[in-house]
Amino acid sequence: MKNFVKGIFVGAAATVGVAAGCFYAFKKTVVDPVEEKEAMIDEHRRRAIRKRHSAHQY
């Protein structure tokens, strides 16, 4: 019975570890590149707005 309980805990810990690894890998491969692209687009938008406003100063 002692080995059975130990096996249950090890199996549960392994399952949680694998799930955490999958979520981390998904975040790194899908979510982070999208956020970086959005940040780059926002920066370009801010630059364009500054250029547009500075071009019409009198």
N, C-alpha and C. Protein backbone atom coordinates (compact mmCIF):
# COMPACT_ATOMS: atom_id res chain seq x y z
N MET A 1 0.82 -1.19 0.00
CA MET A 1 0.00 0.00 0.00
C MET A 1 0.87 1.26 0.00
N LYS A 2 2.03 1.19 0.65
CA LYS A 2 2.92 2.35 0.73
C LYS A 2 3.44 2.71 -0.66
N ASN A 3 3.79 1.72 -1.47
CA ASN A 3 4.28 1.98 -2.82
C ASN A 3 3.16 2.53 -3.72
N PHE A 4 1.95 2.08 -3.47
CA PHE A 4 0.82 2.55 -4.26
C PHE A 4 0.59 4.05 -4.03
N VAL A 5 0.62 4.47 -2.79
CA VAL A 5 0.41 5.89 -2.46
C VAL A 5 1.54 6.72 -3.02
N LYS A 6 2.77 6.20 -2.90
CA LYS A 6 3.93 6.92 -3.45
C LYS A 6 3.79 7.05 -4.97
N GLY A 7 3.31 6.01 -5.61
CA GLY A 7 3.10 6.04 -7.06
C GLY A 7 2.04 7.05 -7.47
N ILE A 8 0.99 7.14 -6.69
CA ILE A 8 -0.07 8.11 -6.97
C ILE A 8 0.50 9.53 -6.91
N PHE A 9 1.28 9.82 -5.85
CA PHE A 9 1.86 11.16 -5.71
C PHE A 9 2.86 11.46 -6.83
N VAL A 10 3.68 10.50 -7.18
CA VAL A 10 4.66 10.71 -8.25
C VAL A 10 3.94 10.91 -9.58
N GLY A 11 2.92 10.13 -9.83
CA GLY A 11 2.15 10.26 -11.07
C GLY A 11 1.44 11.59 -11.16
N ALA A 12 0.87 12.04 -10.06
CA ALA A 12 0.18 13.34 -10.04
C ALA A 12 1.18 14.47 -10.26
N ALA A 13 2.34 14.37 -9.61
CA ALA A 13 3.37 15.41 -9.78
C ALA A 13 3.87 15.43 -11.22
N ALA A 14 4.06 14.27 -11.81
CA ALA A 14 4.52 14.20 -13.19
C ALA A 14 3.48 14.79 -14.14
N THR A 15 2.23 14.50 -13.89
CA THR A 15 1.15 15.04 -14.72
C THR A 15 1.10 16.56 -14.64
N VAL A 16 1.21 17.09 -13.43
CA VAL A 16 1.21 18.54 -13.25
C VAL A 16 2.42 19.16 -13.94
N GLY A 17 3.57 18.50 -13.84
CA GLY A 17 4.78 19.01 -14.49
C GLY A 17 4.65 19.02 -16.00
N VAL A 18 4.10 17.98 -16.56
CA VAL A 18 3.93 17.92 -18.02
C VAL A 18 2.93 18.98 -18.48
N ALA A 19 1.85 19.15 -17.73
CA ALA A 19 0.86 20.17 -18.09
C ALA A 19 1.49 21.57 -18.03
N ALA A 20 2.27 21.83 -17.00
CA ALA A 20 2.93 23.14 -16.88
C ALA A 20 3.91 23.35 -18.03
N GLY A 21 4.63 22.31 -18.40
CA GLY A 21 5.55 22.41 -19.53
C GLY A 21 4.83 22.69 -20.84
N CYS A 22 3.70 22.06 -21.03
CA CYS A 22 2.91 22.30 -22.25
C CYS A 22 2.40 23.74 -22.31
N PHE A 23 1.90 24.23 -21.19
CA PHE A 23 1.41 25.61 -21.16
C PHE A 23 2.54 26.59 -21.40
N TYR A 24 3.71 26.33 -20.82
CA TYR A 24 4.87 27.20 -21.00
C TYR A 24 5.32 27.20 -22.46
N ALA A 25 5.38 26.02 -23.07
CA ALA A 25 5.79 25.93 -24.48
C ALA A 25 4.78 26.64 -25.38
N PHE A 26 3.49 26.48 -25.11
CA PHE A 26 2.46 27.15 -25.90
C PHE A 26 2.61 28.66 -25.79
N LYS A 27 2.85 29.14 -24.57
CA LYS A 27 3.01 30.59 -24.37
C LYS A 27 4.22 31.11 -25.14
N LYS A 28 5.32 30.39 -25.10
CA LYS A 28 6.54 30.83 -25.77
C LYS A 28 6.41 30.79 -27.29
N THR A 29 5.69 29.83 -27.83
CA THR A 29 5.63 29.68 -29.29
C THR A 29 4.46 30.43 -29.92
N VAL A 30 3.39 30.68 -29.17
CA VAL A 30 2.21 31.30 -29.76
C VAL A 30 1.94 32.69 -29.19
N VAL A 31 1.85 32.80 -27.89
CA VAL A 31 1.40 34.04 -27.26
C VAL A 31 2.46 35.13 -27.33
N ASP A 32 3.71 34.81 -26.95
CA ASP A 32 4.76 35.83 -26.93
C ASP A 32 5.03 36.46 -28.30
N PRO A 33 5.12 35.69 -29.39
CA PRO A 33 5.34 36.34 -30.69
C PRO A 33 4.19 37.29 -31.08
N VAL A 34 2.97 36.94 -30.73
CA VAL A 34 1.84 37.80 -31.05
C VAL A 34 1.95 39.10 -30.25
N GLU A 35 2.30 38.99 -28.98
CA GLU A 35 2.44 40.20 -28.16
C GLU A 35 3.59 41.07 -28.65
N GLU A 36 4.69 40.46 -29.08
CA GLU A 36 5.82 41.23 -29.62
C GLU A 36 5.41 41.96 -30.89
N LYS A 37 4.66 41.31 -31.75
CA LYS A 37 4.21 41.92 -32.99
C LYS A 37 3.28 43.10 -32.70
N GLU A 38 2.37 42.92 -31.73
CA GLU A 38 1.48 44.02 -31.36
C GLU A 38 2.25 45.20 -30.80
N ALA A 39 3.28 44.93 -29.99
CA ALA A 39 4.09 46.01 -29.43
C ALA A 39 4.83 46.75 -30.54
N MET A 40 5.34 46.02 -31.53
CA MET A 40 6.05 46.64 -32.64
C MET A 40 5.09 47.52 -33.45
N ILE A 41 3.89 47.03 -33.69
CA ILE A 41 2.90 47.81 -34.45
C ILE A 41 2.52 49.07 -33.68
N ASP A 42 2.34 48.96 -32.36
CA ASP A 42 2.03 50.14 -31.55
C ASP A 42 3.15 51.17 -31.61
N GLU A 43 4.39 50.69 -31.55
CA GLU A 43 5.53 51.62 -31.63
C GLU A 43 5.56 52.32 -32.98
N HIS A 44 5.32 51.61 -34.04
CA HIS A 44 5.30 52.21 -35.38
C HIS A 44 4.17 53.22 -35.49
N ARG A 45 3.04 52.90 -34.91
CA ARG A 45 1.90 53.81 -34.94
C ARG A 45 2.25 55.11 -34.19
N ARG A 46 2.89 54.97 -33.02
CA ARG A 46 3.28 56.17 -32.26
C ARG A 46 4.28 57.01 -33.04
N ARG A 47 5.23 56.38 -33.70
CA ARG A 47 6.20 57.12 -34.52
C ARG A 47 5.51 57.87 -35.64
N ALA A 48 4.56 57.20 -36.30
CA ALA A 48 3.86 57.83 -37.41
C ALA A 48 3.06 59.03 -36.93
N ILE A 49 2.44 58.91 -35.77
CA ILE A 49 1.67 60.04 -35.23
C ILE A 49 2.59 61.19 -34.91
N ARG A 50 3.75 60.92 -34.30
CA ARG A 50 4.71 61.99 -33.99
C ARG A 50 5.20 62.66 -35.26
N LYS A 51 5.51 61.87 -36.30
CA LYS A 51 5.98 62.45 -37.56
C LYS A 51 4.91 63.32 -38.20
N ARG A 52 3.68 62.83 -38.16
CA ARG A 52 2.58 63.57 -38.76
C ARG A 52 2.37 64.90 -38.06
N HIS A 53 2.44 64.90 -36.73
CA HIS A 53 2.25 66.14 -35.99
C HIS A 53 3.43 67.08 -36.16
N SER A 54 4.64 66.56 -36.21
CA SER A 54 5.80 67.44 -36.32
C SER A 54 5.94 68.01 -37.73
N ALA A 55 5.40 67.36 -38.72
CA ALA A 55 5.50 67.84 -40.09
C ALA A 55 4.63 69.08 -40.32
N HIS A 56 3.63 69.29 -39.48
CA HIS A 56 2.71 70.40 -39.70
C HIS A 56 2.87 71.49 -38.64
N GLN A 57 4.04 71.57 -38.05
CA GLN A 57 4.28 72.64 -37.07
C GLN A 57 4.65 73.92 -37.83
N TYR A 58 4.17 75.05 -37.34
CA TYR A 58 4.44 76.33 -37.99
C TYR A 58 5.36 77.14 -37.16
